[in-house]
Structures are given as structure tokens and as C-alpha cells.
Amino acid sequence: QADLIVFVFESKNPYRESAWKFFDYISEEWRKKIV
């Protein structure tokens, strides 16, 4: 239902695995709504 999904990263280290791992749970069709 989301109009926008906002992935917030700590600017010092945006490479931590758990955020990107969660990203992988999100279906391909919803990725157009991500910033």
C-alpha cells in the first residue's frame, strides 16, 4: 500500500548487511517506490 518506501541509513556506514537483507525481502514490483 506504500506510496513511498524510505530506506534510512546512517551516513557514516550505509553498508550494513541487515538493511540490504531486508531490501531483498521486498518484491520486485514495489522497488519503483523506493528512495
Full PDB file with SEQRES, HELIX, SHEET, SSBOND, CRYST1, ORIGX, SCALE, CONECT and MASTER records, all heavy atoms in Angstrom:
SEQRES   1 A   35  GLN ALA ASP LEU ILE VAL PHE VAL PHE GLU SER LYS ASN          
SEQRES   2 A   35  PRO TYR ARG GLU SER ALA TRP LYS PHE PHE ASP TYR ILE          
SEQRES   3 A   35  SER GLU GLU TRP ARG LYS LYS ILE VAL                          
HELIX    1 AA1 GLU A   17  TYR A   25  1                                   9    
HELIX    2 AA2 GLU A   28  LYS A   33  5                                   6    
CRYST1    1.000    1.000    1.000  90.00  90.00  90.00 P 1           1          
ORIGX1      1.000000  0.000000  0.000000        0.00000                         
ORIGX2      0.000000  1.000000  0.000000        0.00000                         
ORIGX3      0.000000  0.000000  1.000000        0.00000                         
SCALE1      1.000000  0.000000  0.000000        0.00000                         
SCALE2      0.000000  1.000000  0.000000        0.00000                         
SCALE3      0.000000  0.000000  1.000000        0.00000                         
ATOM      1  N   GLN A   1       0.814  -1.221   0.000  1.00  0.00           N  
ATOM      2  CA  GLN A   1       0.000   0.000   0.000  1.00  0.00           C  
ATOM      3  C   GLN A   1       0.845   1.266   0.000  1.00  0.00           C  
ATOM      4  O   GLN A   1       0.324   2.364  -0.181  1.00  0.00           O  
ATOM      5  CB  GLN A   1      -0.906   0.023   1.238  1.00  0.00           C  
ATOM      6  CG  GLN A   1      -1.926  -1.086   1.290  1.00  0.00           C  
ATOM      7  CD  GLN A   1      -2.762  -0.985   2.558  1.00  0.00           C  
ATOM      8  OE1 GLN A   1      -3.112   0.103   3.002  1.00  0.00           O  
ATOM      9  NE2 GLN A   1      -3.075  -2.116   3.161  1.00  0.00           N  
ATOM     10  N   ALA A   2       2.151   1.110   0.232  1.00  0.00           N  
ATOM     11  CA  ALA A   2       3.004   2.286   0.404  1.00  0.00           C  
ATOM     12  C   ALA A   2       3.095   3.104  -0.878  1.00  0.00           C  
ATOM     13  O   ALA A   2       3.238   2.567  -1.969  1.00  0.00           O  
ATOM     14  CB  ALA A   2       4.402   1.860   0.848  1.00  0.00           C  
ATOM     15  N   ASP A   3       3.004   4.420  -0.709  1.00  0.00           N  
ATOM     16  CA  ASP A   3       3.260   5.323  -1.829  1.00  0.00           C  
ATOM     17  C   ASP A   3       4.756   5.584  -1.954  1.00  0.00           C  
ATOM     18  O   ASP A   3       5.241   5.916  -3.034  1.00  0.00           O  
ATOM     19  CB  ASP A   3       2.504   6.644  -1.624  1.00  0.00           C  
ATOM     20  CG  ASP A   3       0.996   6.427  -1.645  1.00  0.00           C  
ATOM     21  OD1 ASP A   3       0.469   6.055  -2.704  1.00  0.00           O  
ATOM     22  OD2 ASP A   3       0.355   6.603  -0.589  1.00  0.00           O  
ATOM     23  N   LEU A   4       5.481   5.438  -0.838  1.00  0.00           N  
ATOM     24  CA  LEU A   4       6.934   5.624  -0.856  1.00  0.00           C  
ATOM     25  C   LEU A   4       7.545   4.819   0.278  1.00  0.00           C  
ATOM     26  O   LEU A   4       7.062   4.854   1.412  1.00  0.00           O  
ATOM     27  CB  LEU A   4       7.279   7.110  -0.687  1.00  0.00           C  
ATOM     28  CG  LEU A   4       8.730   7.495  -0.941  1.00  0.00           C  
ATOM     29  CD1 LEU A   4       9.092   7.308  -2.420  1.00  0.00           C  
ATOM     30  CD2 LEU A   4       8.978   8.945  -0.546  1.00  0.00           C  
ATOM     31  N   ILE A   5       8.618   4.077  -0.042  1.00  0.00           N  
ATOM     32  CA  ILE A   5       9.383   3.352   0.968  1.00  0.00           C  
ATOM     33  C   ILE A   5      10.708   4.089   1.117  1.00  0.00           C  
ATOM     34  O   ILE A   5      11.416   4.308   0.130  1.00  0.00           O  
ATOM     35  CB  ILE A   5       9.624   1.891   0.547  1.00  0.00           C  
ATOM     36  CG1 ILE A   5       8.278   1.175   0.343  1.00  0.00           C  
ATOM     37  CG2 ILE A   5      10.462   1.153   1.595  1.00  0.00           C  
ATOM     38  CD1 ILE A   5       8.355  -0.017  -0.565  1.00  0.00           C  
ATOM     39  N   VAL A   6      11.013   4.493   2.340  1.00  0.00           N  
ATOM     40  CA  VAL A   6      12.213   5.284   2.596  1.00  0.00           C  
ATOM     41  C   VAL A   6      13.202   4.434   3.395  1.00  0.00           C  
ATOM     42  O   VAL A   6      12.932   4.087   4.543  1.00  0.00           O  
ATOM     43  CB  VAL A   6      11.885   6.583   3.368  1.00  0.00           C  
ATOM     44  CG1 VAL A   6      13.148   7.405   3.582  1.00  0.00           C  
ATOM     45  CG2 VAL A   6      10.825   7.396   2.636  1.00  0.00           C  
ATOM     46  N   PHE A   7      14.331   4.081   2.763  1.00  0.00           N  
ATOM     47  CA  PHE A   7      15.392   3.364   3.447  1.00  0.00           C  
ATOM     48  C   PHE A   7      16.328   4.394   4.057  1.00  0.00           C  
ATOM     49  O   PHE A   7      16.980   5.150   3.341  1.00  0.00           O  
ATOM     50  CB  PHE A   7      16.166   2.483   2.464  1.00  0.00           C  
ATOM     51  CG  PHE A   7      15.655   1.069   2.389  1.00  0.00           C  
ATOM     52  CD1 PHE A   7      14.567   0.767   1.601  1.00  0.00           C  
ATOM     53  CD2 PHE A   7      16.266   0.052   3.117  1.00  0.00           C  
ATOM     54  CE1 PHE A   7      14.085  -0.528   1.526  1.00  0.00           C  
ATOM     55  CE2 PHE A   7      15.787  -1.246   3.044  1.00  0.00           C  
ATOM     56  CZ  PHE A   7      14.699  -1.544   2.254  1.00  0.00           C  
ATOM     57  N   VAL A   8      16.398   4.420   5.387  1.00  0.00           N  
ATOM     58  CA  VAL A   8      17.252   5.381   6.088  1.00  0.00           C  
ATOM     59  C   VAL A   8      18.533   4.679   6.536  1.00  0.00           C  
ATOM     60  O   VAL A   8      18.486   3.642   7.201  1.00  0.00           O  
ATOM     61  CB  VAL A   8      16.527   5.984   7.315  1.00  0.00           C  
ATOM     62  CG1 VAL A   8      17.456   6.943   8.068  1.00  0.00           C  
ATOM     63  CG2 VAL A   8      15.255   6.705   6.890  1.00  0.00           C  
ATOM     64  N   PHE A   9      19.663   5.248   6.143  1.00  0.00           N  
ATOM     65  CA  PHE A   9      20.967   4.720   6.524  1.00  0.00           C  
ATOM     66  C   PHE A   9      21.708   5.755   7.355  1.00  0.00           C  
ATOM     67  O   PHE A   9      21.565   6.959   7.139  1.00  0.00           O  
ATOM     68  CB  PHE A   9      21.832   4.430   5.286  1.00  0.00           C  
ATOM     69  CG  PHE A   9      21.305   3.341   4.404  1.00  0.00           C  
ATOM     70  CD1 PHE A   9      20.541   3.648   3.289  1.00  0.00           C  
ATOM     71  CD2 PHE A   9      21.572   2.005   4.669  1.00  0.00           C  
ATOM     72  CE1 PHE A   9      20.058   2.654   2.463  1.00  0.00           C  
ATOM     73  CE2 PHE A   9      21.097   1.002   3.848  1.00  0.00           C  
ATOM     74  CZ  PHE A   9      20.341   1.326   2.737  1.00  0.00           C  
ATOM     75  N   GLU A  10      22.536   5.278   8.280  1.00  0.00           N  
ATOM     76  CA  GLU A  10      23.473   6.155   8.970  1.00  0.00           C  
ATOM     77  C   GLU A  10      24.503   6.582   7.933  1.00  0.00           C  
ATOM     78  O   GLU A  10      25.125   5.739   7.279  1.00  0.00           O  
ATOM     79  CB  GLU A  10      24.123   5.387  10.120  1.00  0.00           C  
ATOM     80  CG  GLU A  10      25.077   6.203  10.941  1.00  0.00           C  
ATOM     81  CD  GLU A  10      25.799   5.364  11.983  1.00  0.00           C  
ATOM     82  OE1 GLU A  10      25.716   4.123  11.932  1.00  0.00           O  
ATOM     83  OE2 GLU A  10      26.481   5.966  12.829  1.00  0.00           O  
ATOM     84  N   SER A  11      24.702   7.877   7.764  1.00  0.00           N  
ATOM     85  CA  SER A  11      25.581   8.354   6.694  1.00  0.00           C  
ATOM     86  C   SER A  11      27.003   7.830   6.827  1.00  0.00           C  
ATOM     87  O   SER A  11      27.690   7.625   5.831  1.00  0.00           O  
ATOM     88  CB  SER A  11      25.586   9.890   6.655  1.00  0.00           C  
ATOM     89  OG  SER A  11      26.086  10.407   7.869  1.00  0.00           O  
ATOM     90  N   LYS A  12      27.439   7.577   8.069  1.00  0.00           N  
ATOM     91  CA  LYS A  12      28.810   7.095   8.283  1.00  0.00           C  
ATOM     92  C   LYS A  12      29.023   5.678   7.761  1.00  0.00           C  
ATOM     93  O   LYS A  12      30.132   5.313   7.393  1.00  0.00           O  
ATOM     94  CB  LYS A  12      29.153   7.121   9.787  1.00  0.00           C  
ATOM     95  CG  LYS A  12      29.409   8.500  10.347  1.00  0.00           C  
ATOM     96  CD  LYS A  12      29.791   8.366  11.808  1.00  0.00           C  
ATOM     97  CE  LYS A  12      30.176   9.716  12.396  1.00  0.00           C  
ATOM     98  NZ  LYS A  12      30.544   9.599  13.820  1.00  0.00           N  
ATOM     99  N   ASN A  13      27.950   4.867   7.780  1.00  0.00           N  
ATOM    100  CA  ASN A  13      28.108   3.470   7.356  1.00  0.00           C  
ATOM    101  C   ASN A  13      26.809   2.935   6.756  1.00  0.00           C  
ATOM    102  O   ASN A  13      26.026   2.304   7.449  1.00  0.00           O  
ATOM    103  CB  ASN A  13      28.551   2.594   8.527  1.00  0.00           C  
ATOM    104  CG  ASN A  13      28.864   1.174   8.091  1.00  0.00           C  
ATOM    105  OD1 ASN A  13      28.803   0.847   6.907  1.00  0.00           O  
ATOM    106  ND2 ASN A  13      29.183   0.320   9.041  1.00  0.00           N  
ATOM    107  N   PRO A  14      26.595   3.175   5.454  1.00  0.00           N  
ATOM    108  CA  PRO A  14      25.357   2.707   4.822  1.00  0.00           C  
ATOM    109  C   PRO A  14      25.472   1.300   4.234  1.00  0.00           C  
ATOM    110  O   PRO A  14      24.670   0.903   3.400  1.00  0.00           O  
ATOM    111  CB  PRO A  14      25.159   3.734   3.704  1.00  0.00           C  
ATOM    112  CG  PRO A  14      26.547   4.120   3.316  1.00  0.00           C  
ATOM    113  CD  PRO A  14      27.376   4.046   4.576  1.00  0.00           C  
ATOM    114  N   TYR A  15      26.470   0.527   4.686  1.00  0.00           N  
ATOM    115  CA  TYR A  15      26.743  -0.770   4.056  1.00  0.00           C  
ATOM    116  C   TYR A  15      26.390  -1.959   4.946  1.00  0.00           C  
ATOM    117  O   TYR A  15      26.738  -3.088   4.627  1.00  0.00           O  
ATOM    118  CB  TYR A  15      28.221  -0.854   3.662  1.00  0.00           C  
ATOM    119  CG  TYR A  15      28.689   0.347   2.876  1.00  0.00           C  
ATOM    120  CD1 TYR A  15      29.567   1.279   3.436  1.00  0.00           C  
ATOM    121  CD2 TYR A  15      28.219   0.583   1.581  1.00  0.00           C  
ATOM    122  CE1 TYR A  15      29.987   2.395   2.725  1.00  0.00           C  
ATOM    123  CE2 TYR A  15      28.629   1.699   0.860  1.00  0.00           C  
ATOM    124  CZ  TYR A  15      29.507   2.592   1.440  1.00  0.00           C  
ATOM    125  OH  TYR A  15      29.902   3.709   0.730  1.00  0.00           O  
ATOM    126  N   ARG A  16      25.712  -1.704   6.060  1.00  0.00           N  
ATOM    127  CA  ARG A  16      25.431  -2.801   6.989  1.00  0.00           C  
ATOM    128  C   ARG A  16      24.441  -3.787   6.377  1.00  0.00           C  
ATOM    129  O   ARG A  16      23.492  -3.411   5.703  1.00  0.00           O  
ATOM    130  CB  ARG A  16      24.905  -2.244   8.306  1.00  0.00           C  
ATOM    131  CG  ARG A  16      26.005  -1.473   8.998  1.00  0.00           C  
ATOM    132  CD  ARG A  16      25.661  -1.056  10.385  1.00  0.00           C  
ATOM    133  NE  ARG A  16      26.803  -0.318  10.948  1.00  0.00           N  
ATOM    134  CZ  ARG A  16      26.707   0.562  11.912  1.00  0.00           C  
ATOM    135  NH1 ARG A  16      25.553   0.814  12.442  1.00  0.00           N  
ATOM    136  NH2 ARG A  16      27.778   1.189  12.350  1.00  0.00           N  
ATOM    137  N   GLU A  17      24.689  -5.044   6.688  1.00  0.00           N  
ATOM    138  CA  GLU A  17      24.003  -6.122   5.979  1.00  0.00           C  
ATOM    139  C   GLU A  17      22.495  -6.175   6.212  1.00  0.00           C  
ATOM    140  O   GLU A  17      21.731  -6.460   5.288  1.00  0.00           O  
ATOM    141  CB  GLU A  17      24.623  -7.469   6.389  1.00  0.00           C  
ATOM    142  CG  GLU A  17      24.050  -8.645   5.622  1.00  0.00           C  
ATOM    143  CD  GLU A  17      24.634  -9.979   6.087  1.00  0.00           C  
ATOM    144  OE1 GLU A  17      25.483  -9.986   6.989  1.00  0.00           O  
ATOM    145  OE2 GLU A  17      24.212 -10.992   5.528  1.00  0.00           O  
ATOM    146  N   SER A  18      22.037  -5.897   7.443  1.00  0.00           N  
ATOM    147  CA  SER A  18      20.624  -6.158   7.739  1.00  0.00           C  
ATOM    148  C   SER A  18      19.676  -5.297   6.905  1.00  0.00           C  
ATOM    149  O   SER A  18      18.610  -5.755   6.485  1.00  0.00           O  
ATOM    150  CB  SER A  18      20.335  -5.978   9.236  1.00  0.00           C  
ATOM    151  OG  SER A  18      20.377  -4.615   9.606  1.00  0.00           O  
ATOM    152  N   ALA A  19      20.050  -4.027   6.657  1.00  0.00           N  
ATOM    153  CA  ALA A  19      19.173  -3.167   5.853  1.00  0.00           C  
ATOM    154  C   ALA A  19      19.067  -3.691   4.428  1.00  0.00           C  
ATOM    155  O   ALA A  19      17.987  -3.767   3.847  1.00  0.00           O  
ATOM    156  CB  ALA A  19      19.698  -1.736   5.853  1.00  0.00           C  
ATOM    157  N   TRP A  20      20.203  -4.087   3.869  1.00  0.00           N  
ATOM    158  CA  TRP A  20      20.191  -4.599   2.493  1.00  0.00           C  
ATOM    159  C   TRP A  20      19.541  -5.979   2.433  1.00  0.00           C  
ATOM    160  O   TRP A  20      18.925  -6.344   1.428  1.00  0.00           O  
ATOM    161  CB  TRP A  20      21.608  -4.626   1.933  1.00  0.00           C  
ATOM    162  CG  TRP A  20      22.144  -3.238   1.728  1.00  0.00           C  
ATOM    163  CD1 TRP A  20      23.055  -2.581   2.497  1.00  0.00           C  
ATOM    164  CD2 TRP A  20      21.763  -2.305   0.701  1.00  0.00           C  
ATOM    165  NE1 TRP A  20      23.277  -1.312   2.013  1.00  0.00           N  
ATOM    166  CE2 TRP A  20      22.506  -1.118   0.911  1.00  0.00           C  
ATOM    167  CE3 TRP A  20      20.871  -2.358  -0.374  1.00  0.00           C  
ATOM    168  CZ2 TRP A  20      22.383   0.004   0.093  1.00  0.00           C  
ATOM    169  CZ3 TRP A  20      20.748  -1.254  -1.203  1.00  0.00           C  
ATOM    170  CH2 TRP A  20      21.491  -0.084  -0.964  1.00  0.00           C  
ATOM    171  N   LYS A  21      19.647  -6.740   3.517  1.00  0.00           N  
ATOM    172  CA  LYS A  21      18.991  -8.052   3.572  1.00  0.00           C  
ATOM    173  C   LYS A  21      17.476  -7.863   3.566  1.00  0.00           C  
ATOM    174  O   LYS A  21      16.749  -8.579   2.889  1.00  0.00           O  
ATOM    175  CB  LYS A  21      19.436  -8.793   4.838  1.00  0.00           C  
ATOM    176  CG  LYS A  21      19.002 -10.247   4.893  1.00  0.00           C  
ATOM    177  CD  LYS A  21      19.598 -10.925   6.125  1.00  0.00           C  
ATOM    178  CE  LYS A  21      19.139 -12.369   6.217  1.00  0.00           C  
ATOM    179  NZ  LYS A  21      19.628 -13.031   7.444  1.00  0.00           N  
ATOM    180  N   PHE A  22      17.003  -6.866   4.327  1.00  0.00           N  
ATOM    181  CA  PHE A  22      15.564  -6.597   4.324  1.00  0.00           C  
ATOM    182  C   PHE A  22      15.107  -6.128   2.941  1.00  0.00           C  
ATOM    183  O   PHE A  22      14.024  -6.485   2.478  1.00  0.00           O  
ATOM    184  CB  PHE A  22      15.196  -5.549   5.382  1.00  0.00           C  
ATOM    185  CG  PHE A  22      13.713  -5.288   5.431  1.00  0.00           C  
ATOM    186  CD1 PHE A  22      12.857  -6.225   5.972  1.00  0.00           C  
ATOM    187  CD2 PHE A  22      13.180  -4.114   4.918  1.00  0.00           C  
ATOM    188  CE1 PHE A  22      11.492  -5.997   5.995  1.00  0.00           C  
ATOM    189  CE2 PHE A  22      11.819  -3.886   4.938  1.00  0.00           C  
ATOM    190  CZ  PHE A  22      10.974  -4.837   5.487  1.00  0.00           C  
ATOM    191  N   PHE A  23      15.938  -5.343   2.292  1.00  0.00           N  
ATOM    192  CA  PHE A  23      15.638  -4.896   0.932  1.00  0.00           C  
ATOM    193  C   PHE A  23      15.318  -6.096   0.041  1.00  0.00           C  
ATOM    194  O   PHE A  23      14.416  -6.051  -0.800  1.00  0.00           O  
ATOM    195  CB  PHE A  23      16.845  -4.125   0.383  1.00  0.00           C  
ATOM    196  CG  PHE A  23      16.658  -3.580  -1.005  1.00  0.00           C  
ATOM    197  CD1 PHE A  23      16.209  -2.288  -1.206  1.00  0.00           C  
ATOM    198  CD2 PHE A  23      16.924  -4.364  -2.119  1.00  0.00           C  
ATOM    199  CE1 PHE A  23      16.041  -1.776  -2.493  1.00  0.00           C  
ATOM    200  CE2 PHE A  23      16.765  -3.869  -3.394  1.00  0.00           C  
ATOM    201  CZ  PHE A  23      16.314  -2.575  -3.584  1.00  0.00           C  
ATOM    202  N   ASP A  24      16.043  -7.202   0.232  1.00  0.00           N  
ATOM    203  CA  ASP A  24      15.841  -8.394  -0.591  1.00  0.00           C  
ATOM    204  C   ASP A  24      14.476  -9.044  -0.364  1.00  0.00           C  
ATOM    205  O   ASP A  24      14.009  -9.806  -1.209  1.00  0.00           O  
ATOM    206  CB  ASP A  24      16.946  -9.422  -0.326  1.00  0.00           C  
ATOM    207  CG  ASP A  24      18.297  -8.949  -0.829  1.00  0.00           C  
ATOM    208  OD1 ASP A  24      18.325  -8.119  -1.767  1.00  0.00           O  
ATOM    209  OD2 ASP A  24      19.332  -9.392  -0.287  1.00  0.00           O  
ATOM    210  N   TYR A  25      13.831  -8.740   0.781  1.00  0.00           N  
ATOM    211  CA  TYR A  25      12.501  -9.293   1.037  1.00  0.00           C  
ATOM    212  C   TYR A  25      11.422  -8.587   0.213  1.00  0.00           C  
ATOM    213  O   TYR A  25      10.314  -9.086   0.075  1.00  0.00           O  
ATOM    214  CB  TYR A  25      12.126  -9.143   2.519  1.00  0.00           C  
ATOM    215  CG  TYR A  25      12.720 -10.195   3.410  1.00  0.00           C  
ATOM    216  CD1 TYR A  25      13.699  -9.855   4.340  1.00  0.00           C  
ATOM    217  CD2 TYR A  25      12.310 -11.521   3.355  1.00  0.00           C  
ATOM    218  CE1 TYR A  25      14.250 -10.802   5.179  1.00  0.00           C  
ATOM    219  CE2 TYR A  25      12.856 -12.476   4.191  1.00  0.00           C  
ATOM    220  CZ  TYR A  25      13.829 -12.113   5.104  1.00  0.00           C  
ATOM    221  OH  TYR A  25      14.374 -13.056   5.924  1.00  0.00           O  
ATOM    222  N   ILE A  26      11.739  -7.415  -0.262  1.00  0.00           N  
ATOM    223  CA  ILE A  26      10.714  -6.611  -0.936  1.00  0.00           C  
ATOM    224  C   ILE A  26      10.593  -7.028  -2.393  1.00  0.00           C  
ATOM    225  O   ILE A  26      11.560  -7.085  -3.125  1.00  0.00           O  
ATOM    226  CB  ILE A  26      11.040  -5.106  -0.827  1.00  0.00           C  
ATOM    227  CG1 ILE A  26      11.041  -4.685   0.640  1.00  0.00           C  
ATOM    228  CG2 ILE A  26      10.021  -4.274  -1.586  1.00  0.00           C  
ATOM    229  CD1 ILE A  26      11.459  -3.266   0.881  1.00  0.00           C  
ATOM    230  N   SER A  27       9.359  -7.299  -2.784  1.00  0.00           N  
ATOM    231  CA  SER A  27       9.095  -7.781  -4.142  1.00  0.00           C  
ATOM    232  C   SER A  27       9.576  -6.800  -5.203  1.00  0.00           C  
ATOM    233  O   SER A  27       9.537  -5.587  -5.019  1.00  0.00           O  
ATOM    234  CB  SER A  27       7.587  -8.009  -4.304  1.00  0.00           C  
ATOM    235  OG  SER A  27       7.254  -8.235  -5.644  1.00  0.00           O  
ATOM    236  N   GLU A  28      10.006  -7.336  -6.333  1.00  0.00           N  
ATOM    237  CA  GLU A  28      10.473  -6.535  -7.466  1.00  0.00           C  
ATOM    238  C   GLU A  28       9.493  -5.425  -7.829  1.00  0.00           C  
ATOM    239  O   GLU A  28       9.864  -4.309  -8.132  1.00  0.00           O  
ATOM    240  CB  GLU A  28      10.674  -7.434  -8.694  1.00  0.00           C  
ATOM    241  CG  GLU A  28      11.818  -8.417  -8.572  1.00  0.00           C  
ATOM    242  CD  GLU A  28      13.158  -7.780  -8.831  1.00  0.00           C  
ATOM    243  OE1 GLU A  28      13.199  -6.690  -9.417  1.00  0.00           O  
ATOM    244  OE2 GLU A  28      14.171  -8.376  -8.425  1.00  0.00           O  
ATOM    245  N   GLU A  29       8.197  -5.753  -7.794  1.00  0.00           N  
ATOM    246  CA  GLU A  29       7.197  -4.803  -8.297  1.00  0.00           C  
ATOM    247  C   GLU A  29       7.074  -3.557  -7.431  1.00  0.00           C  
ATOM    248  O   GLU A  29       6.541  -2.536  -7.865  1.00  0.00           O  
ATOM    249  CB  GLU A  29       5.825  -5.481  -8.412  1.00  0.00           C  
ATOM    250  CG  GLU A  29       5.262  -5.922  -7.072  1.00  0.00           C  
ATOM    251  CD  GLU A  29       4.081  -6.861  -7.223  1.00  0.00           C  
ATOM    252  OE1 GLU A  29       4.281  -8.077  -7.339  1.00  0.00           O  
ATOM    253  OE2 GLU A  29       2.945  -6.345  -7.229  1.00  0.00           O  
ATOM    254  N   TRP A  30       7.564  -3.597  -6.170  1.00  0.00           N  
ATOM    255  CA  TRP A  30       7.437  -2.438  -5.284  1.00  0.00           C  
ATOM    256  C   TRP A  30       8.677  -1.567  -5.296  1.00  0.00           C  
ATOM    257  O   TRP A  30       8.697  -0.508  -4.692  1.00  0.00           O  
ATOM    258  CB  TRP A  30       7.145  -2.900  -3.854  1.00  0.00           C  
ATOM    259  CG  TRP A  30       5.898  -3.722  -3.751  1.00  0.00           C  
ATOM    260  CD1 TRP A  30       4.740  -3.552  -4.472  1.00  0.00           C  
ATOM    261  CD2 TRP A  30       5.679  -4.849  -2.904  1.00  0.00           C  
ATOM    262  NE1 TRP A  30       3.837  -4.499  -4.113  1.00  0.00           N  
ATOM    263  CE2 TRP A  30       4.373  -5.315  -3.155  1.00  0.00           C  
ATOM    264  CE3 TRP A  30       6.455  -5.506  -1.952  1.00  0.00           C  
ATOM    265  CZ2 TRP A  30       3.824  -6.400  -2.497  1.00  0.00           C  
ATOM    266  CZ3 TRP A  30       5.906  -6.590  -1.295  1.00  0.00           C  
ATOM    267  CH2 TRP A  30       4.605  -7.033  -1.569  1.00  0.00           C  
ATOM    268  N   ARG A  31       9.732  -1.991  -5.974  1.00  0.00           N  
ATOM    269  CA  ARG A  31      11.004  -1.272  -5.870  1.00  0.00           C  
ATOM    270  C   ARG A  31      10.961   0.100  -6.530  1.00  0.00           C  
ATOM    271  O   ARG A  31      11.785   0.946  -6.245  1.00  0.00           O  
ATOM    272  CB  ARG A  31      12.135  -2.117  -6.449  1.00  0.00           C  
ATOM    273  CG  ARG A  31      12.400  -3.331  -5.582  1.00  0.00           C  
ATOM    274  CD  ARG A  31      13.647  -4.048  -5.972  1.00  0.00           C  
ATOM    275  NE  ARG A  31      13.841  -5.201  -5.103  1.00  0.00           N  
ATOM    276  CZ  ARG A  31      14.862  -6.017  -5.193  1.00  0.00           C  
ATOM    277  NH1 ARG A  31      15.789  -5.823  -6.107  1.00  0.00           N  
ATOM    278  NH2 ARG A  31      14.979  -7.033  -4.372  1.00  0.00           N  
ATOM    279  N   LYS A  32      10.002   0.320  -7.400  1.00  0.00           N  
ATOM    280  CA  LYS A  32       9.908   1.630  -8.050  1.00  0.00           C  
ATOM    281  C   LYS A  32       9.525   2.732  -7.067  1.00  0.00           C  
ATOM    282  O   LYS A  32       9.642   3.912  -7.364  1.00  0.00           O  
ATOM    283  CB  LYS A  32       8.900   1.577  -9.206  1.00  0.00           C  
ATOM    284  CG  LYS A  32       7.474   1.312  -8.775  1.00  0.00           C  
ATOM    285  CD  LYS A  32       6.560   1.183  -9.992  1.00  0.00           C  
ATOM    286  CE  LYS A  32       5.099   1.098  -9.646  1.00  0.00           C  
ATOM    287  NZ  LYS A  32       4.718   0.118  -8.639  1.00  0.00           N  
ATOM    288  N   LYS A  33       9.069   2.355  -5.887  1.00  0.00           N  
ATOM    289  CA  LYS A  33       8.606   3.332  -4.909  1.00  0.00           C  
ATOM    290  C   LYS A  33       9.660   3.650  -3.850  1.00  0.00           C  
ATOM    291  O   LYS A  33       9.341   4.218  -2.823  1.00  0.00           O  
ATOM    292  CB  LYS A  33       7.375   2.795  -4.175  1.00  0.00           C  
ATOM    293  CG  LYS A  33       6.221   2.369  -5.040  1.00  0.00           C  
ATOM    294  CD  LYS A  33       5.152   1.776  -4.132  1.00  0.00           C  
ATOM    295  CE  LYS A  33       3.958   1.252  -4.895  1.00  0.00           C  
ATOM    296  NZ  LYS A  33       2.959   0.687  -3.978  1.00  0.00           N  
ATOM    297  N   ILE A  34      10.905   3.274  -4.062  1.00  0.00           N  
ATOM    298  CA  ILE A  34      11.921   3.375  -3.009  1.00  0.00           C  
ATOM    299  C   ILE A  34      12.827   4.590  -3.193  1.00  0.00           C  
ATOM    300  O   ILE A  34      13.232   4.907  -4.313  1.00  0.00           O  
ATOM    301  CB  ILE A  34      12.784   2.090  -2.987  1.00  0.00           C  
ATOM    302  CG1 ILE A  34      11.953   0.918  -2.474  1.00  0.00           C  
ATOM    303  CG2 ILE A  34      14.024   2.267  -2.136  1.00  0.00           C  
ATOM    304  CD1 ILE A  34      12.673  -0.398  -2.512  1.00  0.00           C  
ATOM    305  N   VAL A  35      13.122   5.269  -2.069  1.00  0.00           N  
ATOM    306  CA  VAL A  35      14.209   6.243  -2.052  1.00  0.00           C  
ATOM    307  C   VAL A  35      15.136   5.890  -0.884  1.00  0.00           C  
ATOM    308  O   VAL A  35      14.733   5.212   0.059  1.00  0.00           O  
ATOM    309  CB  VAL A  35      13.724   7.715  -1.912  1.00  0.00           C  
ATOM    310  CG1 VAL A  35      12.869   8.111  -3.098  1.00  0.00           C  
ATOM    311  CG2 VAL A  35      13.006   7.950  -0.604  1.00  0.00           C  
TER     312      VAL A  35                                                      
MASTER        0    0    0    2    0    0    0    6  311    1    0    3          
END                                                                             
